[in-house]
Full PDB file with SEQRES, HELIX, SHEET, SSBOND, CRYST1, ORIGX, SCALE, CONECT and MASTER records, all heavy atoms in Angstrom:
SEQRES   1 A   31  SER ARG LEU ALA ARG GLU ILE GLY ASP ILE PHE LEU GLU          
SEQRES   2 A   31  PHE ASP VAL GLU GLY THR PRO GLU GLN VAL PRO ILE PRO          
SEQRES   3 A   31  SER PHE PHE ILE GLU                                          
HELIX    1 AA1 ARG A    2  GLU A    6  1                                   5    
SHEET    1 AA1 2 ILE A  10  GLU A  13  0                                        
SHEET    2 AA1 2 SER A  27  ILE A  30 -1                                        
CRYST1    1.000    1.000    1.000  90.00  90.00  90.00 P 1           1          
ORIGX1      1.000000  0.000000  0.000000        0.00000                         
ORIGX2      0.000000  1.000000  0.000000        0.00000                         
ORIGX3      0.000000  0.000000  1.000000        0.00000                         
SCALE1      1.000000  0.000000  0.000000        0.00000                         
SCALE2      0.000000  1.000000  0.000000        0.00000                         
SCALE3      0.000000  0.000000  1.000000        0.00000                         
ATOM      1  N   SER A   1       0.838  -1.202   0.000  1.00  0.00           N  
ATOM      2  CA  SER A   1       0.000   0.000   0.000  1.00  0.00           C  
ATOM      3  C   SER A   1       0.873   1.251   0.000  1.00  0.00           C  
ATOM      4  O   SER A   1       2.047   1.214   0.345  1.00  0.00           O  
ATOM      5  CB  SER A   1      -0.915   0.012   1.226  1.00  0.00           C  
ATOM      6  OG  SER A   1      -0.161   0.220   2.413  1.00  0.00           O  
ATOM      7  N   ARG A   2       0.277   2.351  -0.414  1.00  0.00           N  
ATOM      8  CA  ARG A   2       1.034   3.610  -0.449  1.00  0.00           C  
ATOM      9  C   ARG A   2       1.497   4.006   0.948  1.00  0.00           C  
ATOM     10  O   ARG A   2       2.608   4.506   1.117  1.00  0.00           O  
ATOM     11  CB  ARG A   2       0.187   4.725  -1.066  1.00  0.00           C  
ATOM     12  CG  ARG A   2      -0.124   4.515  -2.524  1.00  0.00           C  
ATOM     13  CD  ARG A   2      -0.600   5.780  -3.198  1.00  0.00           C  
ATOM     14  NE  ARG A   2      -1.773   6.352  -2.549  1.00  0.00           N  
ATOM     15  CZ  ARG A   2      -2.316   7.522  -2.884  1.00  0.00           C  
ATOM     16  NH1 ARG A   2      -1.764   8.253  -3.841  1.00  0.00           N  
ATOM     17  NH2 ARG A   2      -3.386   7.967  -2.271  1.00  0.00           N  
ATOM     18  N   LEU A   3       0.644   3.778   1.941  1.00  0.00           N  
ATOM     19  CA  LEU A   3       1.050   4.113   3.307  1.00  0.00           C  
ATOM     20  C   LEU A   3       2.221   3.242   3.751  1.00  0.00           C  
ATOM     21  O   LEU A   3       3.142   3.725   4.410  1.00  0.00           O  
ATOM     22  CB  LEU A   3      -0.125   3.944   4.263  1.00  0.00           C  
ATOM     23  CG  LEU A   3      -1.285   4.939   4.133  1.00  0.00           C  
ATOM     24  CD1 LEU A   3      -2.315   4.686   5.233  1.00  0.00           C  
ATOM     25  CD2 LEU A   3      -0.809   6.366   4.179  1.00  0.00           C  
ATOM     26  N   ALA A   4       2.207   1.962   3.405  1.00  0.00           N  
ATOM     27  CA  ALA A   4       3.300   1.072   3.791  1.00  0.00           C  
ATOM     28  C   ALA A   4       4.609   1.491   3.136  1.00  0.00           C  
ATOM     29  O   ALA A   4       5.684   1.371   3.726  1.00  0.00           O  
ATOM     30  CB  ALA A   4       2.961  -0.370   3.421  1.00  0.00           C  
ATOM     31  N   ARG A   5       4.542   1.991   1.892  1.00  0.00           N  
ATOM     32  CA  ARG A   5       5.762   2.412   1.188  1.00  0.00           C  
ATOM     33  C   ARG A   5       6.313   3.713   1.750  1.00  0.00           C  
ATOM     34  O   ARG A   5       7.530   3.902   1.814  1.00  0.00           O  
ATOM     35  CB  ARG A   5       5.477   2.587  -0.309  1.00  0.00           C  
ATOM     36  CG  ARG A   5       5.238   1.297  -1.057  1.00  0.00           C  
ATOM     37  CD  ARG A   5       5.341   1.519  -2.552  1.00  0.00           C  
ATOM     38  NE  ARG A   5       4.457   2.573  -3.027  1.00  0.00           N  
ATOM     39  CZ  ARG A   5       3.207   2.374  -3.428  1.00  0.00           C  
ATOM     40  NH1 ARG A   5       2.698   1.143  -3.417  1.00  0.00           N  
ATOM     41  NH2 ARG A   5       2.451   3.365  -3.860  1.00  0.00           N  
ATOM     42  N   GLU A   6       5.448   4.609   2.167  1.00  0.00           N  
ATOM     43  CA  GLU A   6       5.875   5.955   2.556  1.00  0.00           C  
ATOM     44  C   GLU A   6       6.220   6.091   4.037  1.00  0.00           C  
ATOM     45  O   GLU A   6       7.108   6.853   4.402  1.00  0.00           O  
ATOM     46  CB  GLU A   6       4.765   6.966   2.216  1.00  0.00           C  
ATOM     47  CG  GLU A   6       4.580   7.223   0.746  1.00  0.00           C  
ATOM     48  CD  GLU A   6       5.652   8.138   0.185  1.00  0.00           C  
ATOM     49  OE1 GLU A   6       5.855   9.235   0.720  1.00  0.00           O  
ATOM     50  OE2 GLU A   6       6.306   7.727  -0.788  1.00  0.00           O  
ATOM     51  N   ILE A   7       5.494   5.366   4.884  1.00  0.00           N  
ATOM     52  CA  ILE A   7       5.572   5.606   6.328  1.00  0.00           C  
ATOM     53  C   ILE A   7       6.440   4.539   6.981  1.00  0.00           C  
ATOM     54  O   ILE A   7       6.156   3.341   6.901  1.00  0.00           O  
ATOM     55  CB  ILE A   7       4.166   5.642   6.942  1.00  0.00           C  
ATOM     56  CG1 ILE A   7       3.381   6.821   6.353  1.00  0.00           C  
ATOM     57  CG2 ILE A   7       4.248   5.771   8.462  1.00  0.00           C  
ATOM     58  CD1 ILE A   7       1.920   6.831   6.707  1.00  0.00           C  
ATOM     59  N   GLY A   8       7.504   4.984   7.647  1.00  0.00           N  
ATOM     60  CA  GLY A   8       8.412   4.055   8.302  1.00  0.00           C  
ATOM     61  C   GLY A   8       7.910   3.608   9.656  1.00  0.00           C  
ATOM     62  O   GLY A   8       8.047   2.447  10.044  1.00  0.00           O  
ATOM     63  N   ASP A   9       7.345   4.530  10.420  1.00  0.00           N  
ATOM     64  CA  ASP A   9       6.831   4.178  11.738  1.00  0.00           C  
ATOM     65  C   ASP A   9       5.812   5.228  12.149  1.00  0.00           C  
ATOM     66  O   ASP A   9       5.674   6.271  11.515  1.00  0.00           O  
ATOM     67  CB  ASP A   9       7.953   4.079  12.778  1.00  0.00           C  
ATOM     68  CG  ASP A   9       8.721   5.376  12.937  1.00  0.00           C  
ATOM     69  OD1 ASP A   9       8.209   6.279  13.616  1.00  0.00           O  
ATOM     70  OD2 ASP A   9       9.834   5.480  12.398  1.00  0.00           O  
ATOM     71  N   ILE A  10       5.086   4.918  13.206  1.00  0.00           N  
ATOM     72  CA  ILE A  10       4.203   5.910  13.801  1.00  0.00           C  
ATOM     73  C   ILE A  10       4.575   6.039  15.274  1.00  0.00           C  
ATOM     74  O   ILE A  10       5.100   5.114  15.881  1.00  0.00           O  
ATOM     75  CB  ILE A  10       2.714   5.575  13.619  1.00  0.00           C  
ATOM     76  CG1 ILE A  10       2.356   4.283  14.336  1.00  0.00           C  
ATOM     77  CG2 ILE A  10       2.352   5.472  12.155  1.00  0.00           C  
ATOM     78  CD1 ILE A  10       1.222   4.441  15.265  1.00  0.00           C  
ATOM     79  N   PHE A  11       4.319   7.211  15.802  1.00  0.00           N  
ATOM     80  CA  PHE A  11       4.722   7.525  17.171  1.00  0.00           C  
ATOM     81  C   PHE A  11       3.501   8.036  17.916  1.00  0.00           C  
ATOM     82  O   PHE A  11       2.827   8.975  17.459  1.00  0.00           O  
ATOM     83  CB  PHE A  11       5.822   8.592  17.145  1.00  0.00           C  
ATOM     84  CG  PHE A  11       6.424   8.884  18.485  1.00  0.00           C  
ATOM     85  CD1 PHE A  11       7.344   8.015  19.054  1.00  0.00           C  
ATOM     86  CD2 PHE A  11       6.074  10.028  19.189  1.00  0.00           C  
ATOM     87  CE1 PHE A  11       7.911   8.277  20.295  1.00  0.00           C  
ATOM     88  CE2 PHE A  11       6.636  10.309  20.423  1.00  0.00           C  
ATOM     89  CZ  PHE A  11       7.554   9.430  20.974  1.00  0.00           C  
ATOM     90  N   LEU A  12       3.201   7.398  19.048  1.00  0.00           N  
ATOM     91  CA  LEU A  12       2.110   7.841  19.912  1.00  0.00           C  
ATOM     92  C   LEU A  12       2.701   8.532  21.131  1.00  0.00           C  
ATOM     93  O   LEU A  12       3.629   8.013  21.753  1.00  0.00           O  
ATOM     94  CB  LEU A  12       1.255   6.659  20.371  1.00  0.00           C  
ATOM     95  CG  LEU A  12       0.593   5.806  19.299  1.00  0.00           C  
ATOM     96  CD1 LEU A  12      -0.337   4.783  19.946  1.00  0.00           C  
ATOM     97  CD2 LEU A  12      -0.170   6.652  18.304  1.00  0.00           C  
ATOM     98  N   GLU A  13       2.172   9.694  21.454  1.00  0.00           N  
ATOM     99  CA  GLU A  13       2.638  10.441  22.622  1.00  0.00           C  
ATOM    100  C   GLU A  13       1.469  10.650  23.565  1.00  0.00           C  
ATOM    101  O   GLU A  13       0.438  11.221  23.191  1.00  0.00           O  
ATOM    102  CB  GLU A  13       3.222  11.788  22.200  1.00  0.00           C  
ATOM    103  CG  GLU A  13       3.790  12.590  23.344  1.00  0.00           C  
ATOM    104  CD  GLU A  13       4.430  13.883  22.870  1.00  0.00           C  
ATOM    105  OE1 GLU A  13       5.449  13.824  22.165  1.00  0.00           O  
ATOM    106  OE2 GLU A  13       3.876  14.958  23.208  1.00  0.00           O  
ATOM    107  N   PHE A  14       1.639  10.177  24.803  1.00  0.00           N  
ATOM    108  CA  PHE A  14       0.597  10.281  25.823  1.00  0.00           C  
ATOM    109  C   PHE A  14       0.980  11.376  26.818  1.00  0.00           C  
ATOM    110  O   PHE A  14       1.992  11.256  27.522  1.00  0.00           O  
ATOM    111  CB  PHE A  14       0.444   8.950  26.559  1.00  0.00           C  
ATOM    112  CG  PHE A  14       0.014   7.805  25.679  1.00  0.00           C  
ATOM    113  CD1 PHE A  14       0.960   7.043  25.000  1.00  0.00           C  
ATOM    114  CD2 PHE A  14      -1.327   7.498  25.525  1.00  0.00           C  
ATOM    115  CE1 PHE A  14       0.583   5.980  24.195  1.00  0.00           C  
ATOM    116  CE2 PHE A  14      -1.724   6.434  24.717  1.00  0.00           C  
ATOM    117  CZ  PHE A  14      -0.766   5.681  24.050  1.00  0.00           C  
ATOM    118  N   ASP A  15       0.202  12.440  26.872  1.00  0.00           N  
ATOM    119  CA  ASP A  15       0.419  13.502  27.850  1.00  0.00           C  
ATOM    120  C   ASP A  15      -0.104  13.018  29.208  1.00  0.00           C  
ATOM    121  O   ASP A  15      -1.270  12.616  29.327  1.00  0.00           O  
ATOM    122  CB  ASP A  15      -0.319  14.777  27.442  1.00  0.00           C  
ATOM    123  CG  ASP A  15       0.240  15.370  26.157  1.00  0.00           C  
ATOM    124  OD1 ASP A  15       1.404  15.093  25.834  1.00  0.00           O  
ATOM    125  OD2 ASP A  15      -0.495  16.106  25.470  1.00  0.00           O  
ATOM    126  N   VAL A  16       0.760  13.052  30.226  1.00  0.00           N  
ATOM    127  CA  VAL A  16       0.401  12.490  31.529  1.00  0.00           C  
ATOM    128  C   VAL A  16       0.718  13.528  32.606  1.00  0.00           C  
ATOM    129  O   VAL A  16       1.874  13.811  32.890  1.00  0.00           O  
ATOM    130  CB  VAL A  16       1.187  11.191  31.821  1.00  0.00           C  
ATOM    131  CG1 VAL A  16       0.717  10.570  33.135  1.00  0.00           C  
ATOM    132  CG2 VAL A  16       1.030  10.201  30.680  1.00  0.00           C  
ATOM    133  N   GLU A  17      -0.324  14.082  33.223  1.00  0.00           N  
ATOM    134  CA  GLU A  17      -0.125  15.057  34.295  1.00  0.00           C  
ATOM    135  C   GLU A  17      -0.736  14.589  35.606  1.00  0.00           C  
ATOM    136  O   GLU A  17      -0.678  15.286  36.599  1.00  0.00           O  
ATOM    137  CB  GLU A  17      -0.687  16.417  33.884  1.00  0.00           C  
ATOM    138  CG  GLU A  17       0.077  17.030  32.720  1.00  0.00           C  
ATOM    139  CD  GLU A  17      -0.198  18.510  32.560  1.00  0.00           C  
ATOM    140  OE1 GLU A  17      -0.912  19.071  33.412  1.00  0.00           O  
ATOM    141  OE2 GLU A  17       0.310  19.083  31.592  1.00  0.00           O  
ATOM    142  N   GLY A  18      -1.325  13.456  35.629  1.00  0.00           N  
ATOM    143  CA  GLY A  18      -1.918  12.880  36.827  1.00  0.00           C  
ATOM    144  C   GLY A  18      -2.307  11.456  36.498  1.00  0.00           C  
ATOM    145  O   GLY A  18      -1.789  10.856  35.561  1.00  0.00           O  
ATOM    146  N   THR A  19      -3.243  10.900  37.259  1.00  0.00           N  
ATOM    147  CA  THR A  19      -3.709   9.556  36.962  1.00  0.00           C  
ATOM    148  C   THR A  19      -4.340   9.540  35.576  1.00  0.00           C  
ATOM    149  O   THR A  19      -5.257  10.313  35.304  1.00  0.00           O  
ATOM    150  CB  THR A  19      -4.742   9.100  38.001  1.00  0.00           C  
ATOM    151  OG1 THR A  19      -4.144   9.169  39.296  1.00  0.00           O  
ATOM    152  CG2 THR A  19      -5.195   7.680  37.726  1.00  0.00           C  
ATOM    153  N   PRO A  20      -3.859   8.694  34.660  1.00  0.00           N  
ATOM    154  CA  PRO A  20      -4.390   8.725  33.290  1.00  0.00           C  
ATOM    155  C   PRO A  20      -5.813   8.199  33.219  1.00  0.00           C  
ATOM    156  O   PRO A  20      -6.275   7.447  34.082  1.00  0.00           O  
ATOM    157  CB  PRO A  20      -3.421   7.810  32.522  1.00  0.00           C  
ATOM    158  CG  PRO A  20      -2.802   6.941  33.562  1.00  0.00           C  
ATOM    159  CD  PRO A  20      -2.763   7.735  34.823  1.00  0.00           C  
ATOM    160  N   GLU A  21      -6.506   8.625  32.171  1.00  0.00           N  
ATOM    161  CA  GLU A  21      -7.853   8.121  31.919  1.00  0.00           C  
ATOM    162  C   GLU A  21      -7.794   6.625  31.647  1.00  0.00           C  
ATOM    163  O   GLU A  21      -6.777   6.073  31.236  1.00  0.00           O  
ATOM    164  CB  GLU A  21      -8.466   8.844  30.708  1.00  0.00           C  
ATOM    165  CG  GLU A  21      -8.607  10.341  30.865  1.00  0.00           C  
ATOM    166  CD  GLU A  21      -9.679  10.722  31.878  1.00  0.00           C  
ATOM    167  OE1 GLU A  21     -10.610   9.909  32.082  1.00  0.00           O  
ATOM    168  OE2 GLU A  21      -9.583  11.813  32.461  1.00  0.00           O  
ATOM    169  N   GLN A  22      -8.932   5.956  31.867  1.00  0.00           N  
ATOM    170  CA  GLN A  22      -8.981   4.520  31.628  1.00  0.00           C  
ATOM    171  C   GLN A  22      -8.664   4.210  30.164  1.00  0.00           C  
ATOM    172  O   GLN A  22      -8.018   3.197  29.864  1.00  0.00           O  
ATOM    173  CB  GLN A  22     -10.362   3.974  32.004  1.00  0.00           C  
ATOM    174  CG  GLN A  22     -10.444   2.455  31.945  1.00  0.00           C  
ATOM    175  CD  GLN A  22     -11.750   1.939  32.520  1.00  0.00           C  
ATOM    176  OE1 GLN A  22     -12.601   2.707  32.951  1.00  0.00           O  
ATOM    177  NE2 GLN A  22     -11.911   0.619  32.519  1.00  0.00           N  
ATOM    178  N   VAL A  23      -9.125   5.072  29.258  1.00  0.00           N  
ATOM    179  CA  VAL A  23      -8.768   4.956  27.840  1.00  0.00           C  
ATOM    180  C   VAL A  23      -7.925   6.177  27.502  1.00  0.00           C  
ATOM    181  O   VAL A  23      -8.452   7.256  27.237  1.00  0.00           O  
ATOM    182  CB  VAL A  23     -10.018   4.891  26.939  1.00  0.00           C  
ATOM    183  CG1 VAL A  23      -9.608   4.806  25.466  1.00  0.00           C  
ATOM    184  CG2 VAL A  23     -10.884   3.689  27.315  1.00  0.00           C  
ATOM    185  N   PRO A  24      -6.598   6.058  27.541  1.00  0.00           N  
ATOM    186  CA  PRO A  24      -5.743   7.217  27.296  1.00  0.00           C  
ATOM    187  C   PRO A  24      -5.764   7.614  25.821  1.00  0.00           C  
ATOM    188  O   PRO A  24      -5.730   6.754  24.933  1.00  0.00           O  
ATOM    189  CB  PRO A  24      -4.353   6.721  27.711  1.00  0.00           C  
ATOM    190  CG  PRO A  24      -4.408   5.237  27.499  1.00  0.00           C  
ATOM    191  CD  PRO A  24      -5.828   4.831  27.807  1.00  0.00           C  
ATOM    192  N   ILE A  25      -5.822   8.912  25.558  1.00  0.00           N  
ATOM    193  CA  ILE A  25      -5.886   9.418  24.187  1.00  0.00           C  
ATOM    194  C   ILE A  25      -4.529  10.037  23.838  1.00  0.00           C  
ATOM    195  O   ILE A  25      -4.109  11.002  24.469  1.00  0.00           O  
ATOM    196  CB  ILE A  25      -7.007  10.467  24.026  1.00  0.00           C  
ATOM    197  CG1 ILE A  25      -8.349   9.871  24.445  1.00  0.00           C  
ATOM    198  CG2 ILE A  25      -7.060  10.953  22.583  1.00  0.00           C  
ATOM    199  CD1 ILE A  25      -8.759   8.630  23.681  1.00  0.00           C  
ATOM    200  N   PRO A  26      -3.860   9.509  22.827  1.00  0.00           N  
ATOM    201  CA  PRO A  26      -2.532  10.022  22.484  1.00  0.00           C  
ATOM    202  C   PRO A  26      -2.587  11.057  21.373  1.00  0.00           C  
ATOM    203  O   PRO A  26      -3.591  11.187  20.651  1.00  0.00           O  
ATOM    204  CB  PRO A  26      -1.817   8.762  21.982  1.00  0.00           C  
ATOM    205  CG  PRO A  26      -2.911   8.015  21.277  1.00  0.00           C  
ATOM    206  CD  PRO A  26      -4.183   8.293  22.056  1.00  0.00           C  
ATOM    207  N   SER A  27      -1.499  11.784  21.216  1.00  0.00           N  
ATOM    208  CA  SER A  27      -1.223  12.455  19.948  1.00  0.00           C  
ATOM    209  C   SER A  27      -0.535  11.434  19.054  1.00  0.00           C  
ATOM    210  O   SER A  27       0.100  10.487  19.528  1.00  0.00           O  
ATOM    211  CB  SER A  27      -0.324  13.670  20.160  1.00  0.00           C  
ATOM    212  OG  SER A  27      -0.995  14.662  20.908  1.00  0.00           O  
ATOM    213  N   PHE A  28      -0.669  11.629  17.743  1.00  0.00           N  
ATOM    214  CA  PHE A  28      -0.270  10.597  16.781  1.00  0.00           C  
ATOM    215  C   PHE A  28       0.586  11.235  15.699  1.00  0.00           C  
ATOM    216  O   PHE A  28       0.206  12.248  15.112  1.00  0.00           O  
ATOM    217  CB  PHE A  28      -1.544  10.004  16.169  1.00  0.00           C  
ATOM    218  CG  PHE A  28      -1.330   8.877  15.197  1.00  0.00           C  
ATOM    219  CD1 PHE A  28      -1.514   7.566  15.592  1.00  0.00           C  
ATOM    220  CD2 PHE A  28      -0.971   9.120  13.884  1.00  0.00           C  
ATOM    221  CE1 PHE A  28      -1.335   6.523  14.699  1.00  0.00           C  
ATOM    222  CE2 PHE A  28      -0.786   8.088  12.983  1.00  0.00           C  
ATOM    223  CZ  PHE A  28      -0.976   6.786  13.399  1.00  0.00           C  
ATOM    224  N   PHE A  29       1.757  10.657  15.442  1.00  0.00           N  
ATOM    225  CA  PHE A  29       2.665  11.183  14.426  1.00  0.00           C  
ATOM    226  C   PHE A  29       2.986  10.090  13.413  1.00  0.00           C  
ATOM    227  O   PHE A  29       3.325   8.962  13.801  1.00  0.00           O  
ATOM    228  CB  PHE A  29       3.973  11.667  15.060  1.00  0.00           C  
ATOM    229  CG  PHE A  29       3.803  12.814  15.999  1.00  0.00           C  
ATOM    230  CD1 PHE A  29       3.445  12.600  17.322  1.00  0.00           C  
ATOM    231  CD2 PHE A  29       3.992  14.116  15.565  1.00  0.00           C  
ATOM    232  CE1 PHE A  29       3.270  13.667  18.194  1.00  0.00           C  
ATOM    233  CE2 PHE A  29       3.829  15.187  16.434  1.00  0.00           C  
ATOM    234  CZ  PHE A  29       3.467  14.957  17.747  1.00  0.00           C  
ATOM    235  N   ILE A  30       2.883  10.421  12.140  1.00  0.00           N  
ATOM    236  CA  ILE A  30       3.383   9.523  11.105  1.00  0.00           C  
ATOM    237  C   ILE A  30       4.771  10.016  10.714  1.00  0.00           C  
ATOM    238  O   ILE A  30       4.993  11.211  10.530  1.00  0.00           O  
ATOM    239  CB  ILE A  30       2.451   9.470   9.875  1.00  0.00           C  
ATOM    240  CG1 ILE A  30       2.263  10.852   9.234  1.00  0.00           C  
ATOM    241  CG2 ILE A  30       1.100   8.901  10.266  1.00  0.00           C  
ATOM    242  CD1 ILE A  30       1.483  10.833   7.933  1.00  0.00           C  
ATOM    243  N   GLU A  31       5.717   9.093  10.636  1.00  0.00           N  
ATOM    244  CA  GLU A  31       7.095   9.445  10.312  1.00  0.00           C  
ATOM    245  C   GLU A  31       7.484   8.764   9.011  1.00  0.00           C  
ATOM    246  O   GLU A  31       7.319   7.550   8.850  1.00  0.00           O  
ATOM    247  CB  GLU A  31       8.017   9.051  11.462  1.00  0.00           C  
ATOM    248  CG  GLU A  31       7.578   9.695  12.776  1.00  0.00           C  
ATOM    249  CD  GLU A  31       8.704   9.861  13.770  1.00  0.00           C  
ATOM    250  OE1 GLU A  31       9.839   9.454  13.483  1.00  0.00           O  
ATOM    251  OE2 GLU A  31       8.426  10.421  14.852  1.00  0.00           O  
TER     252      GLU A  31                                                      
MASTER        0    0    0    1    2    0    0    6  251    1    0    3          
END                                                                             
């Protein structure tokens, strides 16, 4: 697929300032 050819990895970043939510929501980066 085009995404498989172009994208080497993805990076999830979880902002944590206290007890995290039961379902943590990350920021998402395609590299």
